[in-house]
């Protein structure tokens, strides 16, 4: 899974790397319930490709996102707080001295 993240890094918008918490990575699916078992391999796969990222698990259904996109298409502002749509699975940051 980390290799997939690394593969799309060159196509990511530069603004995504500048948000608080670094690059947001949305983790969808039941496989992420096994995060403690995946963690070591994921970090190994990321290697030195990213200095900072935040892995997020959605807490709303896909239909919520579809409604949000539909509203944007017709220039309608839904009164929502996007920060309430996910929970942090893990935050990762390498400090300037090379430590996590």
PDB file of N, CA and C in Angstrom:
ATOM      1  N   UNK A   1       0.821  -1.186   0.000  1.00  0.00           N
ATOM      2  CA  UNK A   1       0.000   0.000   0.000  1.00  0.00           C
ATOM      3  C   UNK A   1       0.864   1.248   0.000  1.00  0.00           C
ATOM      4  N   UNK A   2       1.966   1.199   0.708  1.00  0.00           N
ATOM      5  CA  UNK A   2       2.872   2.346   0.724  1.00  0.00           C
ATOM      6  C   UNK A   2       3.461   2.590  -0.651  1.00  0.00           C
ATOM      7  N   UNK A   3       3.708   1.530  -1.388  1.00  0.00           N
ATOM      8  CA  UNK A   3       4.254   1.680  -2.748  1.00  0.00           C
ATOM      9  C   UNK A   3       3.256   2.401  -3.654  1.00  0.00           C
ATOM     10  N   UNK A   4       1.964   2.176  -3.440  1.00  0.00           N
ATOM     11  CA  UNK A   4       0.946   2.882  -4.202  1.00  0.00           C
ATOM     12  C   UNK A   4       0.987   4.375  -3.884  1.00  0.00           C
ATOM     13  N   UNK A   5       1.145   4.700  -2.615  1.00  0.00           N
ATOM     14  CA  UNK A   5       1.250   6.112  -2.212  1.00  0.00           C
ATOM     15  C   UNK A   5       2.466   6.735  -2.884  1.00  0.00           C
ATOM     16  N   UNK A   6       3.592   6.046  -2.834  1.00  0.00           N
ATOM     17  CA  UNK A   6       4.825   6.572  -3.444  1.00  0.00           C
ATOM     18  C   UNK A   6       4.672   6.763  -4.951  1.00  0.00           C
ATOM     19  N   UNK A   7       3.914   5.883  -5.588  1.00  0.00           N
ATOM     20  CA  UNK A   7       3.734   5.966  -7.036  1.00  0.00           C
ATOM     21  C   UNK A   7       2.976   7.215  -7.466  1.00  0.00           C
ATOM     22  N   UNK A   8       2.056   7.690  -6.644  1.00  0.00           N
ATOM     23  CA  UNK A   8       1.268   8.867  -7.029  1.00  0.00           C
ATOM     24  C   UNK A   8       1.853  10.181  -6.514  1.00  0.00           C
ATOM     25  N   UNK A   9       2.887  10.128  -5.707  1.00  0.00           N
ATOM     26  CA  UNK A   9       3.469  11.353  -5.147  1.00  0.00           C
ATOM     27  C   UNK A   9       3.838  12.385  -6.211  1.00  0.00           C
ATOM     28  N   UNK A  10       4.449  11.996  -7.336  1.00  0.00           N
ATOM     29  CA  UNK A  10       4.804  13.016  -8.335  1.00  0.00           C
ATOM     30  C   UNK A  10       3.597  13.738  -8.938  1.00  0.00           C
ATOM     31  N   UNK A  11       2.420  13.147  -8.864  1.00  0.00           N
ATOM     32  CA  UNK A  11       1.217  13.751  -9.442  1.00  0.00           C
ATOM     33  C   UNK A  11       0.406  14.549  -8.417  1.00  0.00           C
ATOM     34  N   UNK A  12       0.796  14.502  -7.144  1.00  0.00           N
ATOM     35  CA  UNK A  12       0.058  15.212  -6.095  1.00  0.00           C
ATOM     36  C   UNK A  12       0.263  16.716  -6.203  1.00  0.00           C
ATOM     37  N   UNK A  13      -0.792  17.445  -5.939  1.00  0.00           N
ATOM     38  CA  UNK A  13      -0.713  18.899  -5.909  1.00  0.00           C
ATOM     39  C   UNK A  13       0.231  19.332  -4.787  1.00  0.00           C
ATOM     40  N   UNK A  14       1.069  20.317  -5.059  1.00  0.00           N
ATOM     41  CA  UNK A  14       2.030  20.792  -4.057  1.00  0.00           C
ATOM     42  C   UNK A  14       1.343  21.311  -2.803  1.00  0.00           C
ATOM     43  N   UNK A  15       0.125  21.836  -2.954  1.00  0.00           N
ATOM     44  CA  UNK A  15      -0.612  22.355  -1.800  1.00  0.00           C
ATOM     45  C   UNK A  15      -0.907  21.257  -0.783  1.00  0.00           C
ATOM     46  N   UNK A  16      -1.065  20.025  -1.247  1.00  0.00           N
ATOM     47  CA  UNK A  16      -1.360  18.918  -0.325  1.00  0.00           C
ATOM     48  C   UNK A  16      -0.220  18.652   0.637  1.00  0.00           C
ATOM     49  N   UNK A  17       0.996  18.959   0.236  1.00  0.00           N
ATOM     50  CA  UNK A  17       2.152  18.734   1.104  1.00  0.00           C
ATOM     51  C   UNK A  17       2.316  19.856   2.124  1.00  0.00           C
ATOM     52  N   UNK A  18       1.615  20.969   1.916  1.00  0.00           N
ATOM     53  CA  UNK A  18       1.773  22.138   2.772  1.00  0.00           C
ATOM     54  C   UNK A  18       0.714  22.249   3.860  1.00  0.00           C
ATOM     55  N   UNK A  19      -0.285  21.371   3.866  1.00  0.00           N
ATOM     56  CA  UNK A  19      -1.323  21.448   4.893  1.00  0.00           C
ATOM     57  C   UNK A  19      -0.770  20.954   6.223  1.00  0.00           C
ATOM     58  N   UNK A  20      -1.408  21.393   7.300  1.00  0.00           N
ATOM     59  CA  UNK A  20      -0.992  20.939   8.627  1.00  0.00           C
ATOM     60  C   UNK A  20      -1.093  19.417   8.701  1.00  0.00           C
ATOM     61  N   UNK A  21      -0.052  18.783   9.167  1.00  0.00           N
ATOM     62  CA  UNK A  21      -0.026  17.331   9.248  1.00  0.00           C
ATOM     63  C   UNK A  21       0.583  16.678   8.023  1.00  0.00           C
ATOM     64  N   UNK A  22       0.980  17.491   7.048  1.00  0.00           N
ATOM     65  CA  UNK A  22       1.586  16.942   5.838  1.00  0.00           C
ATOM     66  C   UNK A  22       0.551  16.343   4.901  1.00  0.00           C
ATOM     67  N   UNK A  23       1.008  15.540   3.971  1.00  0.00           N
ATOM     68  CA  UNK A  23       0.129  14.947   2.971  1.00  0.00           C
ATOM     69  C   UNK A  23      -0.964  14.114   3.631  1.00  0.00           C
ATOM     70  N   UNK A  24      -2.245  14.425   3.370  1.00  0.00           N
ATOM     71  CA  UNK A  24      -3.315  13.586   3.914  1.00  0.00           C
ATOM     72  C   UNK A  24      -3.483  12.340   3.043  1.00  0.00           C
ATOM     73  N   UNK A  25      -3.498  11.187   3.682  1.00  0.00           N
ATOM     74  CA  UNK A  25      -3.698   9.913   2.991  1.00  0.00           C
ATOM     75  C   UNK A  25      -4.975   9.306   3.550  1.00  0.00           C
ATOM     76  N   UNK A  26      -5.988   9.155   2.709  1.00  0.00           N
ATOM     77  CA  UNK A  26      -7.275   8.620   3.146  1.00  0.00           C
ATOM     78  C   UNK A  26      -7.241   7.108   3.004  1.00  0.00           C
ATOM     79  N   UNK A  27      -7.483   6.416   4.103  1.00  0.00           N
ATOM     80  CA  UNK A  27      -7.394   4.951   4.171  1.00  0.00           C
ATOM     81  C   UNK A  27      -8.801   4.375   4.243  1.00  0.00           C
ATOM     82  N   UNK A  28      -9.261   3.796   3.132  1.00  0.00           N
ATOM     83  CA  UNK A  28     -10.620   3.279   3.028  1.00  0.00           C
ATOM     84  C   UNK A  28     -10.584   1.759   2.982  1.00  0.00           C
ATOM     85  N   UNK A  29     -11.496   1.138   3.720  1.00  0.00           N
ATOM     86  CA  UNK A  29     -11.628  -0.306   3.668  1.00  0.00           C
ATOM     87  C   UNK A  29     -11.291  -0.980   4.995  1.00  0.00           C
ATOM     88  N   UNK A  30     -11.776  -2.192   5.138  1.00  0.00           N
ATOM     89  CA  UNK A  30     -11.602  -2.934   6.386  1.00  0.00           C
ATOM     90  C   UNK A  30     -10.163  -3.340   6.658  1.00  0.00           C
ATOM     91  N   UNK A  31      -9.344  -3.375   5.617  1.00  0.00           N
ATOM     92  CA  UNK A  31      -7.950  -3.776   5.817  1.00  0.00           C
ATOM     93  C   UNK A  31      -7.257  -2.867   6.830  1.00  0.00           C
ATOM     94  N   UNK A  32      -7.697  -1.612   6.916  1.00  0.00           N
ATOM     95  CA  UNK A  32      -7.066  -0.662   7.833  1.00  0.00           C
ATOM     96  C   UNK A  32      -7.410  -0.931   9.289  1.00  0.00           C
ATOM     97  N   UNK A  33      -8.371  -1.818   9.540  1.00  0.00           N
ATOM     98  CA  UNK A  33      -8.639  -2.238  10.918  1.00  0.00           C
ATOM     99  C   UNK A  33      -7.470  -3.045  11.468  1.00  0.00           C
ATOM    100  N   UNK A  34      -6.624  -3.532  10.572  1.00  0.00           N
ATOM    101  CA  UNK A  34      -5.442  -4.305  10.955  1.00  0.00           C
ATOM    102  C   UNK A  34      -4.190  -3.438  10.975  1.00  0.00           C
ATOM    103  N   UNK A  35      -4.350  -2.141  11.168  1.00  0.00           N
ATOM    104  CA  UNK A  35      -3.225  -1.223  11.135  1.00  0.00           C
ATOM    105  C   UNK A  35      -2.048  -1.669  11.995  1.00  0.00           C
ATOM    106  N   UNK A  36      -2.253  -2.150  13.222  1.00  0.00           N
ATOM    107  CA  UNK A  36      -1.087  -2.569  14.011  1.00  0.00           C
ATOM    108  C   UNK A  36      -0.234  -3.626  13.301  1.00  0.00           C
ATOM    109  N   UNK A  37      -0.851  -4.465  12.483  1.00  0.00           N
ATOM    110  CA  UNK A  37      -0.107  -5.483  11.753  1.00  0.00           C
ATOM    111  C   UNK A  37       0.526  -4.936  10.469  1.00  0.00           C
ATOM    112  N   UNK A  38      -0.027  -3.871   9.931  1.00  0.00           N
ATOM    113  CA  UNK A  38       0.446  -3.291   8.679  1.00  0.00           C
ATOM    114  C   UNK A  38       1.505  -2.208   8.877  1.00  0.00           C
ATOM    115  N   UNK A  39       1.523  -1.628  10.062  1.00  0.00           N
ATOM    116  CA  UNK A  39       2.306  -0.431  10.342  1.00  0.00           C
ATOM    117  C   UNK A  39       3.778  -0.561   9.950  1.00  0.00           C
ATOM    118  N   UNK A  40       4.440  -1.576  10.409  1.00  0.00           N
ATOM    119  CA  UNK A  40       5.876  -1.731  10.156  1.00  0.00           C
ATOM    120  C   UNK A  40       6.165  -1.812   8.658  1.00  0.00           C
ATOM    121  N   UNK A  41       5.401  -2.609   7.938  1.00  0.00           N
ATOM    122  CA  UNK A  41       5.601  -2.745   6.499  1.00  0.00           C
ATOM    123  C   UNK A  41       5.267  -1.473   5.743  1.00  0.00           C
ATOM    124  N   UNK A  42       4.245  -0.752   6.193  1.00  0.00           N
ATOM    125  CA  UNK A  42       3.871   0.495   5.538  1.00  0.00           C
ATOM    126  C   UNK A  42       4.992   1.513   5.667  1.00  0.00           C
ATOM    127  N   UNK A  43       5.500   1.706   6.875  1.00  0.00           N
ATOM    128  CA  UNK A  43       6.568   2.679   7.080  1.00  0.00           C
ATOM    129  C   UNK A  43       7.831   2.277   6.317  1.00  0.00           C
ATOM    130  N   UNK A  44       8.091   0.996   6.250  1.00  0.00           N
ATOM    131  CA  UNK A  44       9.232   0.505   5.484  1.00  0.00           C
ATOM    132  C   UNK A  44       9.042   0.815   3.997  1.00  0.00           C
ATOM    133  N   UNK A  45       7.822   0.629   3.503  1.00  0.00           N
ATOM    134  CA  UNK A  45       7.526   0.899   2.104  1.00  0.00           C
ATOM    135  C   UNK A  45       7.601   2.364   1.742  1.00  0.00           C
ATOM    136  N   UNK A  46       7.230   3.232   2.679  1.00  0.00           N
ATOM    137  CA  UNK A  46       7.307   4.676   2.439  1.00  0.00           C
ATOM    138  C   UNK A  46       8.767   5.110   2.375  1.00  0.00           C
ATOM    139  N   UNK A  47       9.603   4.458   3.186  1.00  0.00           N
ATOM    140  CA  UNK A  47      11.026   4.797   3.186  1.00  0.00           C
ATOM    141  C   UNK A  47      11.232   6.271   3.443  1.00  0.00           C
ATOM    142  N   UNK A  48      12.058   6.910   2.648  1.00  0.00           N
ATOM    143  CA  UNK A  48      12.314   8.342   2.792  1.00  0.00           C
ATOM    144  C   UNK A  48      11.522   9.177   1.806  1.00  0.00           C
ATOM    145  N   UNK A  49      10.448   8.621   1.260  1.00  0.00           N
ATOM    146  CA  UNK A  49       9.672   9.329   0.233  1.00  0.00           C
ATOM    147  C   UNK A  49       8.888  10.513   0.773  1.00  0.00           C
ATOM    148  N   UNK A  50       8.492  10.459   2.034  1.00  0.00           N
ATOM    149  CA  UNK A  50       7.691  11.528   2.646  1.00  0.00           C
ATOM    150  C   UNK A  50       8.262  11.880   4.009  1.00  0.00           C
ATOM    151  N   UNK A  51       8.365  13.179   4.274  1.00  0.00           N
ATOM    152  CA  UNK A  51       8.823  13.635   5.589  1.00  0.00           C
ATOM    153  C   UNK A  51       7.670  13.765   6.574  1.00  0.00           C
ATOM    154  N   UNK A  52       6.462  14.006   6.041  1.00  0.00           N
ATOM    155  CA  UNK A  52       5.312  14.216   6.917  1.00  0.00           C
ATOM    156  C   UNK A  52       4.029  13.819   6.193  1.00  0.00           C
ATOM    157  N   UNK A  53       3.194  13.063   6.888  1.00  0.00           N
ATOM    158  CA  UNK A  53       1.880  12.719   6.344  1.00  0.00           C
ATOM    159  C   UNK A  53       0.946  12.358   7.484  1.00  0.00           C
ATOM    160  N   UNK A  54      -0.346  12.420   7.198  1.00  0.00           N
ATOM    161  CA  UNK A  54      -1.381  12.026   8.140  1.00  0.00           C
ATOM    162  C   UNK A  54      -2.297  11.033   7.441  1.00  0.00           C
ATOM    163  N   UNK A  55      -2.475   9.883   8.060  1.00  0.00           N
ATOM    164  CA  UNK A  55      -3.362   8.861   7.520  1.00  0.00           C
ATOM    165  C   UNK A  55      -4.709   9.006   8.209  1.00  0.00           C
ATOM    166  N   UNK A  56      -5.779   9.094   7.396  1.00  0.00           N
ATOM    167  CA  UNK A  56      -7.123   9.355   7.897  1.00  0.00           C
ATOM    168  C   UNK A  56      -8.072   8.229   7.508  1.00  0.00           C
ATOM    169  N   UNK A  57      -8.971   7.879   8.423  1.00  0.00           N
ATOM    170  CA  UNK A  57     -10.044   6.923   8.132  1.00  0.00           C
ATOM    171  C   UNK A  57     -11.350   7.697   8.067  1.00  0.00           C
ATOM    172  N   UNK A  58     -12.124   7.536   6.986  1.00  0.00           N
ATOM    173  CA  UNK A  58     -13.411   8.225   6.885  1.00  0.00           C
ATOM    174  C   UNK A  58     -14.389   7.729   7.953  1.00  0.00           C
ATOM    175  N   UNK A  59     -15.214   8.644   8.458  1.00  0.00           N
ATOM    176  CA  UNK A  59     -16.253   8.253   9.419  1.00  0.00           C
ATOM    177  C   UNK A  59     -17.647   8.463   8.830  1.00  0.00           C
ATOM    178  N   UNK A  60     -17.703   8.976   7.623  1.00  0.00           N
ATOM    179  CA  UNK A  60     -18.978   9.181   6.914  1.00  0.00           C
ATOM    180  C   UNK A  60     -19.008   8.240   5.711  1.00  0.00           C
ATOM    181  N   UNK A  61     -20.199   7.952   5.222  1.00  0.00           N
ATOM    182  CA  UNK A  61     -20.332   7.056   4.077  1.00  0.00           C
ATOM    183  C   UNK A  61     -19.949   7.772   2.776  1.00  0.00           C
ATOM    184  N   UNK A  62     -19.743   6.988   1.735  1.00  0.00           N
ATOM    185  CA  UNK A  62     -19.413   7.540   0.425  1.00  0.00           C
ATOM    186  C   UNK A  62     -20.542   8.423  -0.105  1.00  0.00           C
ATOM    187  N   UNK A  63     -21.771   8.144   0.295  1.00  0.00           N
ATOM    188  CA  UNK A  63     -22.896   8.958  -0.174  1.00  0.00           C
ATOM    189  C   UNK A  63     -22.779  10.400   0.324  1.00  0.00           C
ATOM    190  N   UNK A  64     -22.182  10.600   1.479  1.00  0.00           N
ATOM    191  CA  UNK A  64     -21.959  11.941   1.996  1.00  0.00           C
ATOM    192  C   UNK A  64     -21.026  12.710   1.061  1.00  0.00           C
ATOM    193  N   UNK A  65     -19.956  12.066   0.635  1.00  0.00           N
ATOM    194  CA  UNK A  65     -19.024  12.698  -0.301  1.00  0.00           C
ATOM    195  C   UNK A  65     -19.671  12.979  -1.639  1.00  0.00           C
ATOM    196  N   UNK A  66     -20.518  12.054  -2.100  1.00  0.00           N
ATOM    197  CA  UNK A  66     -21.225  12.254  -3.365  1.00  0.00           C
ATOM    198  C   UNK A  66     -22.150  13.470  -3.277  1.00  0.00           C
ATOM    199  N   UNK A  67     -22.833  13.612  -2.158  1.00  0.00           N
ATOM    200  CA  UNK A  67     -23.720  14.774  -1.976  1.00  0.00           C
ATOM    201  C   UNK A  67     -22.912  16.072  -1.954  1.00  0.00           C
ATOM    202  N   UNK A  68     -21.748  16.032  -1.321  1.00  0.00           N
ATOM    203  CA  UNK A  68     -20.892  17.214  -1.275  1.00  0.00           C
ATOM    204  C   UNK A  68     -20.438  17.608  -2.681  1.00  0.00           C
ATOM    205  N   UNK A  69     -20.022  16.633  -3.472  1.00  0.00           N
ATOM    206  CA  UNK A  69     -19.586  16.924  -4.843  1.00  0.00           C
ATOM    207  C   UNK A  69     -20.743  17.438  -5.703  1.00  0.00           C
ATOM    208  N   UNK A  70     -21.934  16.854  -5.529  1.00  0.00           N
ATOM    209  CA  UNK A  70     -23.101  17.310  -6.283  1.00  0.00           C
ATOM    210  C   UNK A  70     -23.433  18.757  -5.921  1.00  0.00           C
ATOM    211  N   UNK A  71     -23.355  19.081  -4.649  1.00  0.00           N
ATOM    212  CA  UNK A  71     -23.637  20.453  -4.214  1.00  0.00           C
ATOM    213  C   UNK A  71     -22.626  21.421  -4.818  1.00  0.00           C
ATOM    214  N   UNK A  72     -21.362  21.032  -4.848  1.00  0.00           N
ATOM    215  CA  UNK A  72     -20.341  21.899  -5.444  1.00  0.00           C
ATOM    216  C   UNK A  72     -20.602  22.111  -6.927  1.00  0.00           C
ATOM    217  N   UNK A  73     -21.090  21.065  -7.608  1.00  0.00           N
ATOM    218  CA  UNK A  73     -21.378  21.169  -9.047  1.00  0.00           C
ATOM    219  C   UNK A  73     -22.429  22.241  -9.349  1.00  0.00           C
ATOM    220  N   UNK A  74     -23.372  22.429  -8.439  1.00  0.00           N
ATOM    221  CA  UNK A  74     -24.429  23.419  -8.660  1.00  0.00           C
ATOM    222  C   UNK A  74     -24.186  24.695  -7.844  1.00  0.00           C
ATOM    223  N   UNK A  75     -22.936  24.860  -7.388  1.00  0.00           N
ATOM    224  CA  UNK A  75     -22.529  26.045  -6.634  1.00  0.00           C
ATOM    225  C   UNK A  75     -23.365  26.270  -5.373  1.00  0.00           C
ATOM    226  N   UNK A  76     -23.655  25.177  -4.671  1.00  0.00           N
ATOM    227  CA  UNK A  76     -24.393  25.267  -3.416  1.00  0.00           C
ATOM    228  C   UNK A  76     -23.445  24.910  -2.275  1.00  0.00           C
ATOM    229  N   UNK A  77     -23.382  25.767  -1.269  1.00  0.00           N
ATOM    230  CA  UNK A  77     -22.516  25.543  -0.121  1.00  0.00           C
ATOM    231  C   UNK A  77     -23.245  24.772   0.963  1.00  0.00           C
ATOM    232  N   UNK A  78     -22.827  23.560   1.223  1.00  0.00           N
ATOM    233  CA  UNK A  78     -23.396  22.802   2.334  1.00  0.00           C
ATOM    234  C   UNK A  78     -22.709  23.227   3.623  1.00  0.00           C
ATOM    235  N   UNK A  79     -23.469  23.433   4.683  1.00  0.00           N
ATOM    236  CA  UNK A  79     -22.867  23.856   5.958  1.00  0.00           C
ATOM    237  C   UNK A  79     -22.269  22.659   6.703  1.00  0.00           C
ATOM    238  N   UNK A  80     -21.060  22.268   6.309  1.00  0.00           N
ATOM    239  CA  UNK A  80     -20.421  21.111   6.941  1.00  0.00           C
ATOM    240  C   UNK A  80     -19.017  21.473   7.394  1.00  0.00           C
ATOM    241  N   UNK A  81     -18.545  20.715   8.360  1.00  0.00           N
ATOM    242  CA  UNK A  81     -17.180  20.852   8.851  1.00  0.00           C
ATOM    243  C   UNK A  81     -16.414  19.626   8.360  1.00  0.00           C
ATOM    244  N   UNK A  82     -15.546  19.802   7.383  1.00  0.00           N
ATOM    245  CA  UNK A  82     -14.827  18.678   6.791  1.00  0.00           C
ATOM    246  C   UNK A  82     -13.930  17.956   7.789  1.00  0.00           C
ATOM    247  N   UNK A  83     -13.517  18.640   8.841  1.00  0.00           N
ATOM    248  CA  UNK A  83     -12.662  17.999   9.849  1.00  0.00           C
ATOM    249  C   UNK A  83     -13.397  16.920  10.636  1.00  0.00           C
ATOM    250  N   UNK A  84     -14.722  16.925  10.585  1.00  0.00           N
ATOM    251  CA  UNK A  84     -15.506  15.916  11.305  1.00  0.00           C
ATOM    252  C   UNK A  84     -15.767  14.668  10.459  1.00  0.00           C
ATOM    253  N   UNK A  85     -15.251  14.637   9.237  1.00  0.00           N
ATOM    254  CA  UNK A  85     -15.525  13.533   8.326  1.00  0.00           C
ATOM    255  C   UNK A  85     -14.525  12.386   8.415  1.00  0.00           C
ATOM    256  N   UNK A  86     -13.481  12.569   9.208  1.00  0.00           N
ATOM    257  CA  UNK A  86     -12.473  11.517   9.315  1.00  0.00           C
ATOM    258  C   UNK A  86     -11.847  11.520  10.702  1.00  0.00           C
ATOM    259  N   UNK A  87     -11.197  10.407  11.009  1.00  0.00           N
ATOM    260  CA  UNK A  87     -10.432  10.325  12.247  1.00  0.00           C
ATOM    261  C   UNK A  87      -8.997   9.967  11.882  1.00  0.00           C
ATOM    262  N   UNK A  88      -8.066  10.462  12.663  1.00  0.00           N
ATOM    263  CA  UNK A  88      -6.649  10.242  12.384  1.00  0.00           C
ATOM    264  C   UNK A  88      -6.280   8.814  12.768  1.00  0.00           C
ATOM    265  N   UNK A  89      -5.714   8.111  11.808  1.00  0.00           N
ATOM    266  CA  UNK A  89      -5.181   6.776  12.062  1.00  0.00           C
ATOM    267  C   UNK A  89      -3.761   6.902  12.606  1.00  0.00           C
ATOM    268  N   UNK A  90      -2.955   7.741  11.952  1.00  0.00           N
ATOM    269  CA  UNK A  90      -1.584   7.986  12.413  1.00  0.00           C
ATOM    270  C   UNK A  90      -1.063   9.276  11.784  1.00  0.00           C
ATOM    271  N   UNK A  91      -0.243   9.980  12.536  1.00  0.00           N
ATOM    272  CA  UNK A  91       0.499  11.132  12.015  1.00  0.00           C
ATOM    273  C   UNK A  91       1.968  10.766  12.045  1.00  0.00           C
ATOM    274  N   UNK A  92       2.664  11.121  10.979  1.00  0.00           N
ATOM    275  CA  UNK A  92       4.061  10.757  10.839  1.00  0.00           C
ATOM    276  C   UNK A  92       4.843  11.993  10.442  1.00  0.00           C
ATOM    277  N   UNK A  93       5.916  12.270  11.155  1.00  0.00           N
ATOM    278  CA  UNK A  93       6.752  13.412  10.809  1.00  0.00           C
ATOM    279  C   UNK A  93       8.188  13.118  11.211  1.00  0.00           C
ATOM    280  N   UNK A  94       9.072  13.296  10.247  1.00  0.00           N
ATOM    281  CA  UNK A  94      10.500  13.200  10.550  1.00  0.00           C
ATOM    282  C   UNK A  94      10.972  14.598  10.911  1.00  0.00           C
ATOM    283  N   UNK A  95      11.558  14.724  12.072  1.00  0.00           N
ATOM    284  CA  UNK A  95      12.038  16.024  12.520  1.00  0.00           C
ATOM    285  C   UNK A  95      13.367  16.341  11.843  1.00  0.00           C
ATOM    286  N   UNK A  96      13.785  17.567  11.911  1.00  0.00           N
ATOM    287  CA  UNK A  96      14.998  18.004  11.208  1.00  0.00           C
ATOM    288  C   UNK A  96      16.221  17.219  11.658  1.00  0.00           C
ATOM    289  N   UNK A  97      16.196  16.648  12.865  1.00  0.00           N
ATOM    290  CA  UNK A  97      17.342  15.871  13.315  1.00  0.00           C
ATOM    291  C   UNK A  97      17.247  14.399  12.901  1.00  0.00           C
ATOM    292  N   UNK A  98      16.209  14.065  12.113  1.00  0.00           N
ATOM    293  CA  UNK A  98      16.078  12.719  11.573  1.00  0.00           C
ATOM    294  C   UNK A  98      15.282  11.752  12.428  1.00  0.00           C
ATOM    295  N   UNK A  99      14.713  12.217  13.559  1.00  0.00           N
ATOM    296  CA  UNK A  99      13.936  11.338  14.421  1.00  0.00           C
ATOM    297  C   UNK A  99      12.460  11.490  14.116  1.00  0.00           C
ATOM    298  N   UNK A 100      11.674  10.492  14.528  1.00  0.00           N
ATOM    299  CA  UNK A 100      10.215  10.534  14.331  1.00  0.00           C
ATOM    300  C   UNK A 100       9.571  11.354  15.421  1.00  0.00           C
TER     301      UNK A 100
END
